[in-house]
């Protein structure tokens, strides 16, 4: 037969093995959680650099107004240029 050990020693050894495995599993879990926290912090940092919808909508409205103003200016300049050209065509000595 095999080696005989007391029931107390048997359970003490099993308990020691379980404690060691639990410590290893806890360490593994802590490492995973640390990695997840780093990832979460990276996402949080990244999200803090995003623009808000309100900010973006405001900037788009400003750009749209500027575009309309520029278009009106271009139309005015083209109208003025057309008038000047027509003046020279009508009143130039031929």
Foldseek 3Di string as FASTA:
>chain_A
DDDDDDPVVVVVVVVVVVVVVVVVVVVVVVVVVVVVVVVVVVVVVVVVPDDDPVVVVVVVVVVVVVVVVVVVVVVVVVVVVVVVVVVCVVPPDD
